[in-house]
Protein backbone atom coordinates (compact mmCIF):
# COMPACT_ATOMS: atom_id res chain seq x y z
CA MET A 1 16.25 8.26 -0.98
CA SER A 2 18.44 5.65 0.43
CA VAL A 3 17.36 2.86 2.83
CA GLY A 4 17.86 3.54 6.22
CA SER A 5 17.05 6.36 8.51
CA VAL A 6 14.64 8.78 7.90
CA ARG A 7 13.73 11.99 9.78
CA ARG A 8 10.52 13.85 8.74
CA GLY A 9 10.58 17.33 9.90
CA PRO A 10 9.38 17.12 14.01
CA ARG A 11 8.95 21.06 13.92
CA LEU A 12 6.50 21.18 11.10
CA ALA A 13 4.87 17.96 12.31
CA ALA A 14 4.28 19.61 15.84
CA ALA A 15 2.85 22.88 14.23
CA LEU A 16 0.61 20.88 11.95
CA LEU A 17 -0.54 18.65 14.81
CA ALA A 18 -1.71 21.89 16.83
CA SER A 19 -3.51 23.16 13.87
CA GLY A 20 -5.23 19.85 12.95
CA LEU A 21 -4.01 19.92 9.66
CA LEU A 22 -2.18 16.41 9.65
CA LEU A 23 -3.29 14.27 6.62
CA THR A 24 -3.97 10.51 6.89
CA GLY A 25 -3.15 8.44 3.92
CA CYS A 26 -5.42 6.77 1.22
CA GLY A 27 -6.76 9.90 0.15
CA GLY A 28 -6.33 12.33 3.02
CA ALA A 29 -8.40 13.80 5.67
CA ALA A 30 -8.22 16.26 8.42
CA ALA A 31 -6.77 14.56 11.59
CA GLY A 32 -9.58 13.84 14.04
CA GLN A 33 -12.24 13.46 11.10
CA GLY A 34 -12.39 10.07 11.36
CA SER A 35 -11.21 9.08 7.97
CA ALA A 36 -11.74 6.07 5.85
CA PRO A 37 -9.21 4.58 3.61
CA GLY A 38 -9.17 6.42 0.38
CA GLY A 39 -9.77 9.88 1.74
CA THR A 40 -13.31 9.74 2.67
CA THR A 41 -14.73 10.81 6.25
CA ALA A 42 -16.88 8.39 8.38
CA ASP A 43 -19.91 9.70 6.98
CA GLY A 44 -18.88 9.03 3.37
CA LYS A 45 -18.12 12.65 2.27
CA GLY A 46 -14.85 12.98 0.38
CA VAL A 47 -12.13 15.26 1.26
CA ASP A 48 -8.92 15.88 -0.47
CA GLY A 49 -5.54 16.26 1.22
CA THR A 50 -3.81 19.28 -0.18
CA ALA A 51 -0.57 19.57 1.62
CA GLY A 52 2.68 19.96 -0.45
CA ALA A 53 5.47 17.92 -0.66
CA GLY A 54 7.37 16.93 2.70
CA SER A 55 6.26 14.87 5.45
CA PRO A 56 3.91 16.01 8.05
CA GLY A 57 4.40 12.40 9.84
CA GLY A 58 6.31 13.74 12.67
CA SER A 59 8.85 11.00 12.48
CA VAL A 60 11.74 10.45 14.92
CA GLY A 61 13.51 8.81 12.40
CA ARG A 62 13.52 5.07 11.60
CA SER A 63 12.65 3.17 14.86
CA ALA A 64 14.54 0.08 16.01
CA PRO A 65 12.64 -2.98 14.36
CA GLU A 66 10.28 -5.22 16.26
CA PRO A 67 12.02 -8.56 16.75
CA GLY A 68 10.72 -11.20 14.21
CA THR A 69 11.42 -14.69 13.16
CA ALA A 70 12.23 -15.70 9.65
CA GLU A 71 9.86 -18.17 8.45
CA SER A 72 11.50 -21.39 6.74
CA ARG A 73 9.89 -22.16 3.23
CA THR A 74 10.40 -25.30 0.98
CA PRO A 75 11.63 -24.12 -2.29
CA GLU A 76 9.41 -25.08 -5.08
CA PRO A 77 10.91 -27.97 -7.50
CA ARG A 78 12.61 -26.37 -10.28
CA SER A 79 11.67 -27.30 -13.71
CA THR A 80 13.36 -26.81 -17.33
CA GLU A 81 10.74 -24.31 -18.11
CA ALA A 82 10.74 -21.17 -16.37
CA LYS A 83 7.38 -20.26 -14.81
CA VAL A 84 5.45 -16.97 -15.13
CA ILE A 85 3.05 -15.61 -12.57
CA PRO A 86 -0.24 -17.35 -12.82
CA GLY A 87 -2.99 -15.56 -13.88
CA LEU A 88 -1.42 -12.43 -15.55
CA GLY A 89 -1.72 -12.41 -19.28
CA PRO A 90 0.87 -10.71 -21.71
CA LYS A 91 -0.25 -7.37 -21.40
CA THR A 92 0.08 -7.31 -17.51
CA LEU A 93 3.31 -9.21 -17.56
CA ALA A 94 4.74 -6.96 -20.15
CA ALA A 95 4.24 -4.16 -17.70
CA ILE A 96 6.35 -5.60 -14.92
CA PRO A 97 9.91 -4.01 -15.39
CA PRO A 98 12.59 -6.22 -16.50
CA GLU A 99 14.73 -5.15 -13.51
CA THR A 100 11.86 -6.24 -11.06
CA ASN A 101 12.27 -9.56 -9.07
CA GLN A 102 9.69 -9.18 -6.48
CA ALA A 103 5.87 -8.80 -7.19
CA VAL A 104 3.07 -8.47 -5.02
CA VAL A 105 0.14 -9.67 -7.01
CA ALA A 106 -3.14 -8.39 -5.74
CA THR A 107 -6.25 -10.24 -7.42
CA GLY A 108 -9.84 -9.19 -6.99
CA VAL A 109 -12.71 -11.45 -7.25
CA GLY A 110 -14.61 -9.46 -9.62
CA LYS A 111 -14.60 -5.80 -11.50
CA ASP A 112 -17.39 -4.65 -9.03
CA ARG A 113 -16.34 -6.69 -6.00
CA ASN A 114 -14.35 -5.51 -2.96
CA THR A 115 -12.64 -8.74 -1.93
CA GLY A 116 -9.75 -10.73 -3.34
CA THR A 117 -6.39 -12.17 -2.56
CA VAL A 118 -2.92 -11.08 -2.19
CA ARG A 119 0.24 -13.16 -3.05
CA VAL A 120 4.04 -12.33 -3.16
CA TYR A 121 6.18 -13.71 -5.82
CA GLU A 122 10.03 -13.48 -6.55
CA ARG A 123 11.93 -13.88 -9.72
CA ASP A 124 14.29 -16.88 -9.86
CA PRO A 125 17.02 -16.64 -12.66
CA VAL A 126 16.56 -20.26 -13.43
CA ALA A 127 12.87 -21.17 -12.17
CA GLY A 128 11.22 -17.88 -13.28
CA TRP A 129 8.39 -16.34 -11.02
CA VAL A 130 7.94 -18.71 -7.81
CA PRO A 131 5.69 -17.91 -4.81
CA ALA A 132 7.38 -16.32 -1.80
CA GLY A 133 4.26 -17.48 0.44
CA ASP A 134 0.73 -18.49 0.69
CA GLU A 135 -2.14 -16.69 -0.57
CA TRP A 136 -3.66 -13.78 2.10
CA PRO A 137 -7.05 -12.64 1.89
CA SER A 138 -7.61 -8.75 1.00
CA HIS A 139 -10.04 -5.81 0.63
CA ASN A 140 -10.34 -3.29 -1.94
CA ALA A 141 -12.13 -0.27 -2.94
CA LYS A 142 -16.22 -0.48 -2.25
CA ARG A 143 -17.18 -0.36 -6.01
CA GLY A 144 -14.37 -2.71 -7.16
CA TRP A 145 -11.42 -1.36 -9.74
CA THR A 146 -11.13 0.86 -12.62
CA ASP A 147 -8.65 1.44 -15.28
CA ASP A 148 -9.34 5.12 -15.08
CA HIS A 149 -9.44 6.01 -11.23
CA VAL A 150 -10.59 9.37 -10.33
CA ARG A 151 -10.78 10.82 -7.05
CA GLY A 152 -13.68 9.73 -5.03
CA ASP A 153 -14.84 6.93 -7.49
CA LEU A 154 -14.68 4.41 -4.79
CA ARG A 155 -12.54 2.01 -7.39
CA THR A 156 -9.14 0.73 -7.12
CA PRO A 157 -6.77 1.59 -9.74
CA ILE A 158 -5.54 -1.26 -11.94
CA GLY A 159 -2.09 -1.68 -12.98
CA VAL A 160 1.35 -2.17 -12.06
CA TYR A 161 3.22 0.21 -9.63
CA GLY A 162 6.22 0.41 -7.50
CA LEU A 163 6.81 -0.34 -3.80
CA THR A 164 9.35 2.27 -2.47
CA ASP A 165 7.93 3.67 0.71
CA ALA A 166 6.54 2.63 4.13
CA GLY A 167 5.55 3.61 7.14
CA GLY A 168 2.92 3.50 10.11
CA LEU A 169 1.76 4.48 13.52
CA LEU A 170 3.67 1.50 15.18
CA PRO A 171 7.26 0.79 15.16
CA ASP A 172 9.07 -0.63 12.04
CA PRO A 173 8.60 -4.35 12.11
CA GLY A 174 11.83 -4.80 10.19
CA THR A 175 11.27 -3.80 6.79
CA ARG A 176 14.31 -2.88 4.27
CA LEU A 177 12.00 -0.15 2.92
CA PRO A 178 12.56 3.58 4.10
CA TYR A 179 9.86 3.82 7.05
CA ASP A 180 8.25 7.01 8.30
CA ARG A 181 6.74 6.44 11.70
CA GLY A 182 4.38 9.12 13.15
CA PRO A 183 1.05 10.28 14.71
CA ALA A 184 -0.47 11.35 11.35
CA PHE A 185 -0.89 7.60 10.78
CA SER A 186 -3.60 7.57 13.52
CA ILE A 187 -7.12 7.00 12.32
CA SER A 188 -10.52 6.73 13.76
CA GLY A 189 -14.10 6.36 12.78
CA THR A 190 -15.84 3.58 10.96
CA GLY A 191 -15.89 2.13 7.51
CA PHE A 192 -19.03 1.33 5.08
CA GLN A 193 -19.86 -1.89 7.27
CA GLY A 194 -19.73 -0.28 10.59
CA ASP A 195 -15.93 -1.77 10.97
CA SER A 196 -13.66 0.28 13.12
CA LEU A 197 -10.91 1.99 11.36
CA ALA A 198 -8.57 2.31 14.32
CA GLY A 199 -5.26 0.68 13.40
CA SER A 200 -6.05 0.69 9.73
CA PHE A 201 -2.70 2.82 9.47
CA ASP A 202 -0.43 0.94 11.96
CA TYR A 203 1.23 -0.43 8.79
CA VAL A 204 1.33 0.91 5.34
CA VAL A 205 3.13 0.69 2.05
CA ALA A 206 2.62 3.49 -0.45
CA ILE A 207 1.50 2.02 -3.83
CA ASN A 208 3.36 4.41 -6.33
CA TYR A 209 0.04 5.74 -8.04
CA ASN A 210 0.06 9.43 -8.76
CA ARG A 211 2.80 10.38 -6.10
CA VAL A 212 6.48 10.84 -6.10
CA PRO A 213 8.49 7.98 -5.04
CA GLY A 214 11.06 8.29 -2.38
CA ASN A 215 9.08 10.01 -0.19
CA THR A 216 6.94 9.49 2.91
CA PRO A 217 3.41 7.70 2.07
CA LEU A 218 2.11 11.14 3.65
CA ASP A 219 3.52 13.23 0.90
CA TRP A 220 0.36 14.70 -0.93
CA THR A 221 2.20 15.69 -4.16
CA ARG A 222 -0.11 14.56 -7.00
CA PRO A 223 2.00 14.72 -10.31
CA LEU A 224 -1.26 13.61 -12.49
CA GLY A 225 -3.19 15.95 -10.52
CA ALA A 226 -5.59 16.26 -7.71
CA ASP A 227 -8.65 15.08 -9.76
CA LYS A 228 -6.86 11.60 -10.31
CA GLY A 229 -6.73 10.85 -6.78
CA GLY A 230 -3.88 9.28 -4.75
CA GLY A 231 -2.72 8.24 -1.34
CA ILE A 232 -3.29 4.34 -2.55
CA TRP A 233 -1.76 2.26 -0.07
CA LEU A 234 -1.48 -1.28 1.22
CA HIS A 235 -2.44 -1.27 4.62
CA VAL A 236 -4.14 -3.10 7.85
CA ASP A 237 -7.39 -4.74 7.11
CA HIS A 238 -10.12 -3.12 9.26
CA GLY A 239 -12.94 -5.83 8.22
CA GLY A 240 -14.59 -4.29 5.17
CA PRO A 241 -13.87 -2.64 1.96
CA THR A 242 -11.68 0.61 1.68
CA GLN A 243 -11.91 3.89 -0.40
CA GLY A 244 -9.12 2.83 -2.89
CA CYS A 245 -6.41 0.98 -1.23
CA VAL A 246 -5.77 -2.61 -0.61
CA SER A 247 -5.85 -4.04 2.81
CA LEU A 248 -4.34 -6.97 4.40
CA PRO A 249 -4.53 -8.86 7.91
CA ARG A 250 -2.33 -7.24 10.50
CA GLY A 251 -0.07 -10.22 10.63
CA ARG A 252 0.33 -10.19 6.57
CA MET A 253 0.97 -6.75 6.52
CA LYS A 254 4.11 -7.13 9.02
CA GLU A 255 5.19 -10.26 6.77
CA LEU A 256 4.86 -8.24 3.94
CA LEU A 257 7.05 -5.47 5.17
CA ARG A 258 9.70 -7.88 6.37
CA LEU A 259 9.60 -9.56 2.61
CA LEU A 260 9.65 -6.49 0.62
CA ASP A 261 13.47 -5.87 -0.67
CA PRO A 262 14.38 -2.48 -2.41
CA LYS A 263 17.27 -4.29 -4.24
CA LYS A 264 14.64 -6.44 -5.87
CA LYS A 265 12.74 -3.43 -7.27
CA PRO A 266 9.27 -4.51 -5.92
CA VAL A 267 6.27 -3.83 -7.65
CA VAL A 268 2.15 -4.30 -6.87
CA VAL A 269 0.42 -5.98 -9.72
CA MET A 270 -3.21 -5.23 -9.08
CA GLY A 271 -6.65 -5.48 -10.32
CA ASP A 272 -9.61 -7.77 -10.82
CA ALA A 273 -8.89 -11.33 -12.28
CA GLU A 274 -10.34 -10.84 -15.63
CA SER A 275 -8.41 -7.26 -16.25
CA LEU A 276 -5.21 -9.11 -15.07
CA LYS A 277 -5.51 -11.70 -17.95
CA ARG A 278 -5.06 -9.20 -20.57
């Protein structure tokens, strides 16, 4: 899919909206159930989206980007030795594709913890990997991280995954990724700590875990099978742990969307700190 305008089947979206079958991301729930990121309803009962490929998002195409201001950053001084991303071990670094020049590193504070930090790095041909901004606070799944994610385990999958598709309830804030806007990104209900989930999907970036790249984040095709879960996103933080996604403060999600550049083949590198050192 090329970067630019995308249309997502308005007739299908209207029909699905009318029947209450539109799915939200991060695992999927029927519209109006008050889903939590990762595919669990507000009462904690897991649900699985079963819609096939294609988008039920009801997008009217790429919306006009919100006005934004470019942040000035002072480049880090270059050294004679190319830098690697701190905190990543040889196995994790080797999983980053050679053609990738942009990495979103999500580091959890512990294997069974649900808080962490996110920082974006870019690869300079001379200096190596350098930060593109500050560290941002984040949440992940309630029970932490896993090397073998399955549906409903309330853990976030560890690994290196591509970032190719974005979307949300609100207009495109200026991303270069394909952006699908539609009412299916609406969400209600409360999270594990009584935190309101409203607005969590105002901005999302699909993480290419068990999904087909190049489609809307709302596409529920699961190449590894439904039991391996899916719908893992980067999305707006709602003040508590998620079902499986990684969440960031609203302003940081907008900043991330503006930073991501498909020409740099961006990936997310995510896991608890100890796992990422491997």
